[in-house]
Amino acid sequence: MLYALDPKLNKLVVASKGLKCICPTCKEMVIPKCGIYVSYHFAHKNNNSLCNDKYHDKKSEWHYD
């Protein structure tokens, strides 16, 4: 997801290293993914999350291949 809720500011923010944010939909913890080879984004800390967040960007077949 490109945006997450910063509980301290109570607003949506873009991913940046060191942020501690929550998913605006399910309120679970998300972690920023800020690497050299990936675009900055957030991912649910719990990989088993069933959240269907409205901020989720759709992946194409290219991503899955």
PDB file of N, CA and C in Angstrom:
ATOM      1  N   MET A   1       0.852  -1.171   0.000  1.00  0.00           N
ATOM      2  CA  MET A   1       0.000   0.000   0.000  1.00  0.00           C
ATOM      3  C   MET A   1       0.895   1.229   0.000  1.00  0.00           C
ATOM      4  N   LEU A   2       0.435   2.258  -0.645  1.00  0.00           N
ATOM      5  CA  LEU A   2       1.232   3.462  -0.789  1.00  0.00           C
ATOM      6  C   LEU A   2       1.073   4.424   0.388  1.00  0.00           C
ATOM      7  N   TYR A   3      -0.067   4.362   1.085  1.00  0.00           N
ATOM      8  CA  TYR A   3      -0.348   5.268   2.200  1.00  0.00           C
ATOM      9  C   TYR A   3      -0.748   4.470   3.437  1.00  0.00           C
ATOM     10  N   ALA A   4      -0.342   4.954   4.589  1.00  0.00           N
ATOM     11  CA  ALA A   4      -0.737   4.340   5.859  1.00  0.00           C
ATOM     12  C   ALA A   4      -1.038   5.460   6.845  1.00  0.00           C
ATOM     13  N   LEU A   5      -1.708   5.103   7.919  1.00  0.00           N
ATOM     14  CA  LEU A   5      -2.112   6.077   8.921  1.00  0.00           C
ATOM     15  C   LEU A   5      -1.034   6.208   9.999  1.00  0.00           C
ATOM     16  N   ASP A   6      -0.534   7.417  10.148  1.00  0.00           N
ATOM     17  CA  ASP A   6       0.416   7.710  11.220  1.00  0.00           C
ATOM     18  C   ASP A   6      -0.415   8.075  12.452  1.00  0.00           C
ATOM     19  N   PRO A   7      -0.412   7.227  13.488  1.00  0.00           N
ATOM     20  CA  PRO A   7      -1.274   7.491  14.656  1.00  0.00           C
ATOM     21  C   PRO A   7      -0.896   8.758  15.421  1.00  0.00           C
ATOM     22  N   LYS A   8       0.366   9.185  15.343  1.00  0.00           N
ATOM     23  CA  LYS A   8       0.781  10.402  16.043  1.00  0.00           C
ATOM     24  C   LYS A   8       0.207  11.645  15.366  1.00  0.00           C
ATOM     25  N   LEU A   9       0.192  11.635  14.036  1.00  0.00           N
ATOM     26  CA  LEU A   9      -0.306  12.785  13.269  1.00  0.00           C
ATOM     27  C   LEU A   9      -1.784  12.661  12.914  1.00  0.00           C
ATOM     28  N   ASN A  10      -2.311  11.437  13.021  1.00  0.00           N
ATOM     29  CA  ASN A  10      -3.693  11.124  12.664  1.00  0.00           C
ATOM     30  C   ASN A  10      -3.994  11.520  11.207  1.00  0.00           C
ATOM     31  N   LYS A  11      -3.043  11.184  10.316  1.00  0.00           N
ATOM     32  CA  LYS A  11      -3.258  11.428   8.893  1.00  0.00           C
ATOM     33  C   LYS A  11      -2.485  10.412   8.077  1.00  0.00           C
ATOM     34  N   LEU A  12      -2.871  10.296   6.805  1.00  0.00           N
ATOM     35  CA  LEU A  12      -2.200   9.378   5.905  1.00  0.00           C
ATOM     36  C   LEU A  12      -0.843   9.937   5.499  1.00  0.00           C
ATOM     37  N   VAL A  13       0.142   9.042   5.449  1.00  0.00           N
ATOM     38  CA  VAL A  13       1.494   9.437   5.075  1.00  0.00           C
ATOM     39  C   VAL A  13       2.038   8.450   4.048  1.00  0.00           C
ATOM     40  N   VAL A  14       3.043   8.886   3.302  1.00  0.00           N
ATOM     41  CA  VAL A  14       3.729   7.996   2.371  1.00  0.00           C
ATOM     42  C   VAL A  14       4.835   7.268   3.129  1.00  0.00           C
ATOM     43  N   ALA A  15       5.256   6.135   2.602  1.00  0.00           N
ATOM     44  CA  ALA A  15       6.260   5.316   3.269  1.00  0.00           C
ATOM     45  C   ALA A  15       7.594   6.031   3.375  1.00  0.00           C
ATOM     46  N   SER A  16       8.198   5.882   4.534  1.00  0.00           N
ATOM     47  CA  SER A  16       9.518   6.439   4.800  1.00  0.00           C
ATOM     48  C   SER A  16      10.155   5.581   5.886  1.00  0.00           C
ATOM     49  N   LYS A  17      11.460   5.408   5.811  1.00  0.00           N
ATOM     50  CA  LYS A  17      12.154   4.556   6.782  1.00  0.00           C
ATOM     51  C   LYS A  17      11.891   5.010   8.213  1.00  0.00           C
ATOM     52  N   GLY A  18      11.637   4.037   9.087  1.00  0.00           N
ATOM     53  CA  GLY A  18      11.486   4.317  10.503  1.00  0.00           C
ATOM     54  C   GLY A  18      10.081   4.659  10.972  1.00  0.00           C
ATOM     55  N   LEU A  19       9.135   4.811  10.048  1.00  0.00           N
ATOM     56  CA  LEU A  19       7.763   5.137  10.465  1.00  0.00           C
ATOM     57  C   LEU A  19       7.100   3.947  11.139  1.00  0.00           C
ATOM     58  N   LYS A  20       6.256   4.235  12.100  1.00  0.00           N
ATOM     59  CA  LYS A  20       5.435   3.207  12.756  1.00  0.00           C
ATOM     60  C   LYS A  20       3.988   3.593  12.493  1.00  0.00           C
ATOM     61  N   CYS A  21       3.373   2.882  11.548  1.00  0.00           N
ATOM     62  CA  CYS A  21       2.034   3.243  11.099  1.00  0.00           C
ATOM     63  C   CYS A  21       1.094   2.056  11.163  1.00  0.00           C
ATOM     64  N   ILE A  22      -0.190   2.349  10.925  1.00  0.00           N
ATOM     65  CA  ILE A  22      -1.204   1.306  10.891  1.00  0.00           C
ATOM     66  C   ILE A  22      -1.974   1.389   9.575  1.00  0.00           C
ATOM     67  N   CYS A  23      -2.565   0.277   9.213  1.00  0.00           N
ATOM     68  CA  CYS A  23      -3.391   0.212   8.007  1.00  0.00           C
ATOM     69  C   CYS A  23      -4.666   1.021   8.252  1.00  0.00           C
ATOM     70  N   PRO A  24      -5.023   1.912   7.339  1.00  0.00           N
ATOM     71  CA  PRO A  24      -6.226   2.715   7.542  1.00  0.00           C
ATOM     72  C   PRO A  24      -7.517   1.896   7.475  1.00  0.00           C
ATOM     73  N   THR A  25      -7.455   0.704   6.924  1.00  0.00           N
ATOM     74  CA  THR A  25      -8.654  -0.122   6.787  1.00  0.00           C
ATOM     75  C   THR A  25      -8.851  -1.060   7.975  1.00  0.00           C
ATOM     76  N   CYS A  26      -7.833  -1.889   8.269  1.00  0.00           N
ATOM     77  CA  CYS A  26      -7.998  -2.913   9.308  1.00  0.00           C
ATOM     78  C   CYS A  26      -7.337  -2.544  10.635  1.00  0.00           C
ATOM     79  N   LYS A  27      -6.579  -1.455  10.672  1.00  0.00           N
ATOM     80  CA  LYS A  27      -5.907  -0.953  11.875  1.00  0.00           C
ATOM     81  C   LYS A  27      -4.793  -1.860  12.381  1.00  0.00           C
ATOM     82  N   GLU A  28      -4.290  -2.789  11.541  1.00  0.00           N
ATOM     83  CA  GLU A  28      -3.146  -3.616  11.910  1.00  0.00           C
ATOM     84  C   GLU A  28      -1.861  -2.845  11.622  1.00  0.00           C
ATOM     85  N   MET A  29      -0.780  -3.236  12.287  1.00  0.00           N
ATOM     86  CA  MET A  29       0.521  -2.612  12.062  1.00  0.00           C
ATOM     87  C   MET A  29       0.999  -2.877  10.639  1.00  0.00           C
ATOM     88  N   VAL A  30       1.585  -1.860  10.039  1.00  0.00           N
ATOM     89  CA  VAL A  30       2.234  -2.005   8.742  1.00  0.00           C
ATOM     90  C   VAL A  30       3.670  -1.506   8.879  1.00  0.00           C
ATOM     91  N   ILE A  31       4.535  -2.027   8.033  1.00  0.00           N
ATOM     92  CA  ILE A  31       5.934  -1.625   8.078  1.00  0.00           C
ATOM     93  C   ILE A  31       6.319  -1.015   6.740  1.00  0.00           C
ATOM     94  N   PRO A  32       7.169   0.011   6.774  1.00  0.00           N
ATOM     95  CA  PRO A  32       7.601   0.619   5.523  1.00  0.00           C
ATOM     96  C   PRO A  32       8.632  -0.266   4.828  1.00  0.00           C
ATOM     97  N   LYS A  33       8.468  -0.424   3.541  1.00  0.00           N
ATOM     98  CA  LYS A  33       9.431  -1.148   2.710  1.00  0.00           C
ATOM     99  C   LYS A  33      10.120  -0.091   1.863  1.00  0.00           C
ATOM    100  N   CYS A  34      11.356   0.220   2.194  1.00  0.00           N
ATOM    101  CA  CYS A  34      12.078   1.320   1.552  1.00  0.00           C
ATOM    102  C   CYS A  34      13.454   0.850   1.120  1.00  0.00           C
ATOM    103  N   GLY A  35      13.479   0.086   0.056  1.00  0.00           N
ATOM    104  CA  GLY A  35      14.740  -0.459  -0.416  1.00  0.00           C
ATOM    105  C   GLY A  35      15.250   0.235  -1.662  1.00  0.00           C
ATOM    106  N   ILE A  36      16.392  -0.205  -2.106  1.00  0.00           N
ATOM    107  CA  ILE A  36      17.010   0.359  -3.301  1.00  0.00           C
ATOM    108  C   ILE A  36      16.257  -0.066  -4.556  1.00  0.00           C
ATOM    109  N   TYR A  37      15.777  -1.305  -4.580  1.00  0.00           N
ATOM    110  CA  TYR A  37      15.193  -1.870  -5.799  1.00  0.00           C
ATOM    111  C   TYR A  37      13.674  -1.905  -5.814  1.00  0.00           C
ATOM    112  N   VAL A  38      13.028  -1.379  -4.800  1.00  0.00           N
ATOM    113  CA  VAL A  38      11.557  -1.366  -4.764  1.00  0.00           C
ATOM    114  C   VAL A  38      11.075   0.057  -4.533  1.00  0.00           C
ATOM    115  N   SER A  39       9.894   0.348  -5.044  1.00  0.00           N
ATOM    116  CA  SER A  39       9.317   1.656  -4.734  1.00  0.00           C
ATOM    117  C   SER A  39       8.867   1.631  -3.279  1.00  0.00           C
ATOM    118  N   TYR A  40       8.970   2.760  -2.618  1.00  0.00           N
ATOM    119  CA  TYR A  40       8.598   2.833  -1.213  1.00  0.00           C
ATOM    120  C   TYR A  40       7.111   2.524  -1.062  1.00  0.00           C
ATOM    121  N   HIS A  41       6.799   1.641  -0.106  1.00  0.00           N
ATOM    122  CA  HIS A  41       5.420   1.256   0.157  1.00  0.00           C
ATOM    123  C   HIS A  41       5.337   0.654   1.557  1.00  0.00           C
ATOM    124  N   PHE A  42       4.119   0.396   2.002  1.00  0.00           N
ATOM    125  CA  PHE A  42       3.887  -0.259   3.281  1.00  0.00           C
ATOM    126  C   PHE A  42       3.396  -1.677   3.038  1.00  0.00           C
ATOM    127  N   ALA A  43       3.705  -2.560   3.966  1.00  0.00           N
ATOM    128  CA  ALA A  43       3.200  -3.934   3.936  1.00  0.00           C
ATOM    129  C   ALA A  43       2.701  -4.283   5.332  1.00  0.00           C
ATOM    130  N   HIS A  44       1.663  -5.101   5.390  1.00  0.00           N
ATOM    131  CA  HIS A  44       1.172  -5.549   6.690  1.00  0.00           C
ATOM    132  C   HIS A  44       2.265  -6.320   7.401  1.00  0.00           C
ATOM    133  N   LYS A  45       2.441  -6.053   8.672  1.00  0.00           N
ATOM    134  CA  LYS A  45       3.445  -6.755   9.466  1.00  0.00           C
ATOM    135  C   LYS A  45       3.084  -8.229   9.562  1.00  0.00           C
ATOM    136  N   ASN A  46       1.795  -8.499   9.699  1.00  0.00           N
ATOM    137  CA  ASN A  46       1.293  -9.864   9.747  1.00  0.00           C
ATOM    138  C   ASN A  46       1.036 -10.316   8.312  1.00  0.00           C
ATOM    139  N   ASN A  47       1.868 -11.221   7.804  1.00  0.00           N
ATOM    140  CA  ASN A  47       1.725 -11.687   6.420  1.00  0.00           C
ATOM    141  C   ASN A  47       0.421 -12.429   6.171  1.00  0.00           C
ATOM    142  N   ASN A  48      -0.259 -12.838   7.228  1.00  0.00           N
ATOM    143  CA  ASN A  48      -1.512 -13.579   7.084  1.00  0.00           C
ATOM    144  C   ASN A  48      -2.733 -12.665   7.100  1.00  0.00           C
ATOM    145  N   SER A  49      -2.511 -11.375   7.031  1.00  0.00           N
ATOM    146  CA  SER A  49      -3.617 -10.426   7.086  1.00  0.00           C
ATOM    147  C   SER A  49      -4.559 -10.630   5.908  1.00  0.00           C
ATOM    148  N   LEU A  50      -5.849 -10.604   6.175  1.00  0.00           N
ATOM    149  CA  LEU A  50      -6.860 -10.741   5.134  1.00  0.00           C
ATOM    150  C   LEU A  50      -7.439  -9.386   4.752  1.00  0.00           C
ATOM    151  N   CYS A  51      -6.755  -8.344   5.099  1.00  0.00           N
ATOM    152  CA  CYS A  51      -7.234  -6.992   4.841  1.00  0.00           C
ATOM    153  C   CYS A  51      -7.393  -6.755   3.343  1.00  0.00           C
ATOM    154  N   ASN A  52      -8.481  -6.103   2.989  1.00  0.00           N
ATOM    155  CA  ASN A  52      -8.724  -5.730   1.596  1.00  0.00           C
ATOM    156  C   ASN A  52      -8.742  -4.203   1.543  1.00  0.00           C
ATOM    157  N   ASP A  53      -7.573  -3.605   1.750  1.00  0.00           N
ATOM    158  CA  ASP A  53      -7.528  -2.153   1.867  1.00  0.00           C
ATOM    159  C   ASP A  53      -7.788  -1.463   0.534  1.00  0.00           C
ATOM    160  N   LYS A  54      -8.459  -0.330   0.613  1.00  0.00           N
ATOM    161  CA  LYS A  54      -8.808   0.415  -0.596  1.00  0.00           C
ATOM    162  C   LYS A  54      -7.609   1.165  -1.165  1.00  0.00           C
ATOM    163  N   TYR A  55      -6.505   1.182  -0.431  1.00  0.00           N
ATOM    164  CA  TYR A  55      -5.297   1.855  -0.902  1.00  0.00           C
ATOM    165  C   TYR A  55      -4.352   0.891  -1.603  1.00  0.00           C
ATOM    166  N   HIS A  56      -4.759  -0.364  -1.682  1.00  0.00           N
ATOM    167  CA  HIS A  56      -3.927  -1.391  -2.292  1.00  0.00           C
ATOM    168  C   HIS A  56      -3.835  -1.172  -3.795  1.00  0.00           C
ATOM    169  N   ASP A  57      -2.614  -1.219  -4.317  1.00  0.00           N
ATOM    170  CA  ASP A  57      -2.449  -1.087  -5.759  1.00  0.00           C
ATOM    171  C   ASP A  57      -2.527  -2.472  -6.395  1.00  0.00           C
ATOM    172  N   LYS A  58      -3.245  -2.579  -7.472  1.00  0.00           N
ATOM    173  CA  LYS A  58      -3.435  -3.855  -8.149  1.00  0.00           C
ATOM    174  C   LYS A  58      -2.142  -4.277  -8.824  1.00  0.00           C
ATOM    175  N   LYS A  59      -1.809  -5.572  -8.679  1.00  0.00           N
ATOM    176  CA  LYS A  59      -0.612  -6.095  -9.311  1.00  0.00           C
ATOM    177  C   LYS A  59      -0.993  -6.732 -10.653  1.00  0.00           C
ATOM    178  N   SER A  60      -0.107  -6.603 -11.600  1.00  0.00           N
ATOM    179  CA  SER A  60      -0.341  -7.189 -12.915  1.00  0.00           C
ATOM    180  C   SER A  60       0.283  -8.580 -12.973  1.00  0.00           C
ATOM    181  N   GLU A  61       0.058  -9.283 -14.072  1.00  0.00           N
ATOM    182  CA  GLU A  61       0.675 -10.589 -14.276  1.00  0.00           C
ATOM    183  C   GLU A  61       2.195 -10.473 -14.233  1.00  0.00           C
ATOM    184  N   TRP A  62       2.726  -9.343 -14.710  1.00  0.00           N
ATOM    185  CA  TRP A  62       4.174  -9.134 -14.711  1.00  0.00           C
ATOM    186  C   TRP A  62       4.735  -9.236 -13.291  1.00  0.00           C
ATOM    187  N   HIS A  63       4.032  -8.668 -12.310  1.00  0.00           N
ATOM    188  CA  HIS A  63       4.487  -8.715 -10.930  1.00  0.00           C
ATOM    189  C   HIS A  63       4.551 -10.153 -10.420  1.00  0.00           C
ATOM    190  N   TYR A  64       3.545 -10.938 -10.770  1.00  0.00           N
ATOM    191  CA  TYR A  64       3.485 -12.303 -10.264  1.00  0.00           C
ATOM    192  C   TYR A  64       4.493 -13.213 -10.956  1.00  0.00           C
ATOM    193  N   ASP A  65       4.855 -12.887 -12.208  1.00  0.00           N
ATOM    194  CA  ASP A  65       5.863 -13.690 -12.922  1.00  0.00           C
ATOM    195  C   ASP A  65       7.231 -13.368 -12.415  1.00  0.00           C
TER     196      ASP A  65
END
